[in-house]
């Protein structure tokens, strides 16, 4: 495990078959950030994201932080309890969040330097595979796709602060109970990591049918795959870059219409 700013740990998750191809980036990241390799032989899951490398980031929680702080950073503090936190604990939490953000900035700098080498990402079924960050806060797992559409160098610069905003949203305001897998999405219209894509249980079988505005905590309901495609401004080549591929059934319908 790495020790980034004494508060973050990294695990590198990838297919064992891809290790030879990933060796240069894994070696570079380990040298600068530390971390632990966690290759897998096979993988199955309900989400459509197709990654070739995930940086699984954990926030270190120890007894020395105290029970309230440990609960906060484990995502176990209920929103009602979060509102009652005393000023002393709030001050310590803010300092911890600043340390988390600083650690995330170190990670993003390394990723940006690697991406500047104009990496050619591997493809599967003709679609680009993904470099992603994953972190977990309590029952919620959050993915960030770093080669999603519309990502710029400036967007990566603002990512650490956006992750802090997500942590505060989940812990201090709360999100729907069934939003256990979400994706942080960069919105090109506002130029901000503004939304959490948070499909409902039903949505996971069809399309991303719910979005949470990080600025307000408001849930926005998406009524169809076509509407999500317009919302995200994407093409079929981007389908694997989302928790639920919005073209999964859309493509089949088009083929049927053409026959």
Protein backbone atom coordinates (compact mmCIF):
# COMPACT_ATOMS: atom_id res chain seq x y z
CA UNK A 1 0.00 0.00 0.00
CA UNK A 2 1.12 3.52 -0.68
CA UNK A 3 1.17 6.34 1.80
CA UNK A 4 0.29 9.53 -0.07
CA UNK A 5 0.26 12.43 2.30
CA UNK A 6 -0.38 9.85 5.07
CA UNK A 7 -4.06 9.61 4.15
CA UNK A 8 -4.49 7.88 0.75
CA UNK A 9 -3.74 4.34 -0.41
CA UNK A 10 -3.78 3.09 -4.00
CA UNK A 11 -4.42 -0.31 -5.51
CA UNK A 12 -3.93 -0.91 -9.23
CA UNK A 13 -6.71 -3.12 -10.61
CA UNK A 14 -6.30 -4.66 -14.07
CA UNK A 15 -6.52 -7.91 -16.01
CA UNK A 16 -3.51 -10.15 -15.49
CA UNK A 17 -3.39 -10.65 -19.27
CA UNK A 18 -2.72 -6.92 -19.72
CA UNK A 19 0.18 -6.72 -17.26
CA UNK A 20 2.97 -6.80 -19.89
CA UNK A 21 1.36 -3.92 -21.76
CA UNK A 22 0.75 -1.98 -18.54
CA UNK A 23 4.21 -2.57 -17.06
CA UNK A 24 5.68 0.86 -18.02
CA UNK A 25 2.81 2.86 -16.51
CA UNK A 26 2.54 0.60 -13.44
CA UNK A 27 6.26 0.96 -12.78
CA UNK A 28 6.12 4.74 -13.22
CA UNK A 29 3.10 5.12 -10.92
CA UNK A 30 4.57 2.83 -8.27
CA UNK A 31 7.85 4.75 -8.31
CA UNK A 32 6.13 8.11 -7.73
CA UNK A 33 3.00 7.15 -5.78
CA UNK A 34 3.66 3.73 -4.30
CA UNK A 35 0.64 1.46 -4.33
CA UNK A 36 -0.19 -2.22 -4.58
CA UNK A 37 -0.94 -4.25 -7.69
CA UNK A 38 -4.20 -6.18 -7.64
CA UNK A 39 -4.49 -8.02 -10.98
CA UNK A 40 -7.46 -10.27 -11.61
CA UNK A 41 -7.76 -13.38 -13.79
CA UNK A 42 -11.38 -12.81 -14.78
CA UNK A 43 -14.02 -10.25 -14.06
CA UNK A 44 -17.79 -10.07 -14.21
CA UNK A 45 -20.11 -7.32 -13.12
CA UNK A 46 -23.33 -5.46 -13.71
CA UNK A 47 -21.74 -2.27 -15.05
CA UNK A 48 -20.75 -1.65 -18.66
CA UNK A 49 -17.51 0.24 -17.99
CA UNK A 50 -14.68 -1.58 -19.77
CA UNK A 51 -11.42 -0.56 -18.08
CA UNK A 52 -7.86 -1.67 -18.74
CA UNK A 53 -6.62 0.01 -15.55
CA UNK A 54 -8.37 1.29 -12.43
CA UNK A 55 -6.69 3.26 -9.67
CA UNK A 56 -8.64 2.22 -6.60
CA UNK A 57 -8.11 4.97 -4.03
CA UNK A 58 -8.81 4.49 -0.36
CA UNK A 59 -8.90 7.04 2.44
CA UNK A 60 -6.96 5.90 5.50
CA UNK A 61 -9.06 5.88 8.65
CA UNK A 62 -7.46 5.06 12.00
CA UNK A 63 -8.54 5.04 15.60
CA UNK A 64 -6.35 8.09 16.20
CA UNK A 65 -8.78 10.17 14.17
CA UNK A 66 -11.52 9.48 16.67
CA UNK A 67 -14.80 7.66 16.18
CA UNK A 68 -16.65 10.61 14.60
CA UNK A 69 -13.91 11.28 12.06
CA UNK A 70 -13.46 7.61 11.25
CA UNK A 71 -17.21 7.33 10.63
CA UNK A 72 -17.11 10.44 8.42
CA UNK A 73 -14.33 9.20 6.16
CA UNK A 74 -15.79 5.70 6.03
CA UNK A 75 -19.08 7.17 4.82
CA UNK A 76 -20.84 5.69 7.82
CA UNK A 77 -21.96 8.92 9.44
CA UNK A 78 -25.66 9.53 8.89
CA UNK A 79 -26.53 12.94 7.46
CA UNK A 80 -28.45 13.84 10.63
CA UNK A 81 -25.36 13.07 12.70
CA UNK A 82 -23.13 15.04 10.33
CA UNK A 83 -25.19 18.16 11.00
CA UNK A 84 -24.48 17.84 14.74
CA UNK A 85 -20.68 17.60 14.46
CA UNK A 86 -18.99 20.07 16.81
CA UNK A 87 -16.72 22.87 15.64
CA UNK A 88 -13.54 21.11 16.80
CA UNK A 89 -14.34 18.03 14.74
CA UNK A 90 -15.36 20.18 11.76
CA UNK A 91 -11.97 21.90 11.84
CA UNK A 92 -10.17 18.55 11.87
CA UNK A 93 -12.40 17.21 9.09
CA UNK A 94 -11.63 20.26 6.92
CA UNK A 95 -7.90 19.69 7.46
CA UNK A 96 -8.26 16.01 6.55
CA UNK A 97 -10.18 16.95 3.41
CA UNK A 98 -7.40 19.37 2.45
CA UNK A 99 -4.89 16.53 2.88
CA UNK A 100 -7.05 14.23 0.76
CA UNK A 101 -7.26 16.88 -1.96
CA UNK A 102 -3.50 17.39 -1.87
CA UNK A 103 -2.93 13.64 -2.23
CA UNK A 104 -5.39 13.51 -5.14
CA UNK A 105 -3.52 16.36 -6.82
CA UNK A 106 -0.31 14.30 -6.69
CA UNK A 107 -2.12 11.39 -8.35
CA UNK A 108 -3.63 13.58 -11.08
CA UNK A 109 -0.24 15.17 -11.85
CA UNK A 110 1.25 11.73 -12.48
CA UNK A 111 -1.70 10.68 -14.65
CA UNK A 112 -1.50 13.93 -16.67
CA UNK A 113 2.22 13.45 -17.30
CA UNK A 114 1.55 9.93 -18.56
CA UNK A 115 -1.35 11.02 -20.77
CA UNK A 116 0.88 13.68 -22.35
CA UNK A 117 2.83 10.80 -23.91
CA UNK A 118 -0.21 10.43 -26.21
CA UNK A 119 -1.02 6.97 -24.98
CA UNK A 120 -2.95 4.78 -27.39
CA UNK A 121 -5.63 3.05 -25.34
CA UNK A 122 -6.43 -0.58 -26.18
CA UNK A 123 -9.76 -1.35 -27.81
CA UNK A 124 -12.36 -4.08 -27.38
CA UNK A 125 -15.20 -4.63 -29.86
CA UNK A 126 -13.89 -1.54 -31.65
CA UNK A 127 -14.34 0.70 -28.59
CA UNK A 128 -11.66 2.38 -26.51
CA UNK A 129 -10.96 0.86 -23.11
CA UNK A 130 -10.72 3.07 -20.07
CA UNK A 131 -8.38 4.51 -17.52
CA UNK A 132 -10.45 5.09 -14.40
CA UNK A 133 -10.27 6.13 -10.78
CA UNK A 134 -12.45 4.34 -8.26
CA UNK A 135 -13.08 5.25 -4.64
CA UNK A 136 -15.55 4.02 -2.08
CA UNK A 137 -17.31 5.94 0.66
CA UNK A 138 -19.43 3.67 2.81
CA UNK A 139 -21.93 1.85 0.59
CA UNK A 140 -21.22 4.08 -2.44
CA UNK A 141 -18.62 3.25 -5.07
CA UNK A 142 -17.71 6.14 -7.36
CA UNK A 143 -16.01 5.81 -10.75
CA UNK A 144 -14.26 8.58 -12.69
CA UNK A 145 -13.35 7.81 -16.30
CA UNK A 146 -10.27 9.83 -17.21
CA UNK A 147 -10.57 9.33 -20.97
CA UNK A 148 -14.30 10.04 -21.06
CA UNK A 149 -15.59 12.46 -23.73
CA UNK A 150 -14.89 16.18 -23.28
CA UNK A 151 -12.02 15.75 -20.79
CA UNK A 152 -9.34 18.43 -21.05
CA UNK A 153 -6.15 19.10 -19.12
CA UNK A 154 -8.01 21.88 -17.30
CA UNK A 155 -10.76 19.42 -16.33
CA UNK A 156 -8.17 17.10 -14.79
CA UNK A 157 -6.75 20.03 -12.80
CA UNK A 158 -10.14 20.55 -11.13
CA UNK A 159 -10.81 16.84 -10.49
CA UNK A 160 -9.32 16.64 -6.94
CA UNK A 161 -11.62 19.42 -5.71
CA UNK A 162 -14.58 17.79 -7.46
CA UNK A 163 -13.93 14.51 -5.60
CA UNK A 164 -13.92 16.43 -2.31
CA UNK A 165 -17.30 17.92 -3.25
CA UNK A 166 -18.63 14.42 -3.93
CA UNK A 167 -17.39 13.20 -0.54
CA UNK A 168 -19.11 16.12 1.19
CA UNK A 169 -22.31 15.59 -0.82
CA UNK A 170 -22.50 11.91 0.12
CA UNK A 171 -21.58 12.41 3.78
CA UNK A 172 -23.13 15.74 4.70
CA UNK A 173 -26.19 15.99 2.43
CA UNK A 174 -26.83 12.41 1.37
CA UNK A 175 -27.81 10.75 -1.90
CA UNK A 176 -30.58 8.18 -2.60
CA UNK A 177 -30.16 4.92 -0.69
CA UNK A 178 -30.11 2.85 -3.88
CA UNK A 179 -27.30 4.96 -5.43
CA UNK A 180 -24.58 2.48 -4.49
CA UNK A 181 -22.64 2.77 -7.78
CA UNK A 182 -22.18 6.22 -9.30
CA UNK A 183 -19.98 7.93 -11.88
CA UNK A 184 -18.58 11.45 -11.63
CA UNK A 185 -19.21 13.16 -14.96
CA UNK A 186 -17.55 16.24 -16.46
CA UNK A 187 -20.20 18.47 -18.04
CA UNK A 188 -18.79 20.39 -21.02
CA UNK A 189 -21.67 22.87 -20.96
CA UNK A 190 -20.84 24.20 -17.49
CA UNK A 191 -17.13 23.34 -17.69
CA UNK A 192 -17.40 21.53 -14.36
CA UNK A 193 -17.50 18.05 -12.82
CA UNK A 194 -21.10 18.84 -12.11
CA UNK A 195 -23.00 15.56 -12.11
CA UNK A 196 -23.08 12.14 -10.52
CA UNK A 197 -24.55 9.59 -12.89
CA UNK A 198 -26.58 7.44 -10.50
CA UNK A 199 -28.80 4.93 -12.31
CA UNK A 200 -31.63 3.34 -10.37
CA UNK A 201 -31.80 -0.44 -9.97
CA UNK A 202 -34.11 -0.53 -12.99
CA UNK A 203 -31.83 1.83 -14.90
CA UNK A 204 -28.91 -0.60 -14.69
CA UNK A 205 -30.81 -2.90 -17.03
CA UNK A 206 -31.59 -0.20 -19.59
CA UNK A 207 -29.91 3.23 -19.45
CA UNK A 208 -28.72 5.87 -17.00
CA UNK A 209 -32.08 7.16 -15.83
CA UNK A 210 -30.98 9.41 -12.94
CA UNK A 211 -28.41 12.15 -12.51
CA UNK A 212 -27.51 14.05 -9.33
CA UNK A 213 -26.48 17.70 -9.58
CA UNK A 214 -23.49 18.03 -7.23
CA UNK A 215 -24.07 21.76 -6.80
CA UNK A 216 -27.58 21.37 -5.40
CA UNK A 217 -27.99 17.68 -4.52
CA UNK A 218 -31.05 17.63 -6.80
CA UNK A 219 -31.95 14.41 -8.63
CA UNK A 220 -32.70 14.75 -12.34
CA UNK A 221 -34.70 11.96 -13.98
CA UNK A 222 -33.70 10.91 -17.52
CA UNK A 223 -36.66 9.45 -19.41
CA UNK A 224 -34.93 7.55 -22.23
CA UNK A 225 -31.59 6.36 -23.63
CA UNK A 226 -31.91 8.97 -26.38
CA UNK A 227 -32.27 11.71 -23.79
CA UNK A 228 -29.18 10.53 -21.95
CA UNK A 229 -27.22 10.44 -25.21
CA UNK A 230 -28.22 14.07 -25.82
CA UNK A 231 -27.48 15.00 -22.20
CA UNK A 232 -23.95 13.57 -22.37
CA UNK A 233 -23.38 14.57 -26.03
CA UNK A 234 -21.83 11.25 -27.00
CA UNK A 235 -21.52 8.84 -29.93
CA UNK A 236 -21.67 5.01 -30.00
CA UNK A 237 -17.86 4.88 -29.66
CA UNK A 238 -18.28 6.27 -26.13
CA UNK A 239 -20.76 3.64 -24.93
CA UNK A 240 -18.26 1.66 -22.79
CA UNK A 241 -17.32 4.86 -20.95
CA UNK A 242 -20.50 4.87 -18.85
CA UNK A 243 -21.92 2.69 -16.09
CA UNK A 244 -24.69 1.70 -18.49
CA UNK A 245 -24.00 1.79 -22.23
CA UNK A 246 -26.82 4.01 -23.57
CA UNK A 247 -26.40 2.45 -27.01
CA UNK A 248 -26.90 -1.09 -25.70
CA UNK A 249 -30.46 -1.33 -27.02
CA UNK A 250 -30.33 1.83 -29.10
CA UNK A 251 -27.98 0.15 -31.61
CA UNK A 252 -30.22 -2.93 -31.86
CA UNK A 253 -33.24 -0.73 -32.57
CA UNK A 254 -31.37 1.10 -35.34
CA UNK A 255 -30.34 -2.19 -36.93
CA UNK A 256 -33.94 -3.40 -36.78
CA UNK A 257 -35.18 -0.18 -38.38
CA UNK A 258 -32.68 -0.55 -41.23
CA UNK A 259 -33.61 -4.18 -41.99
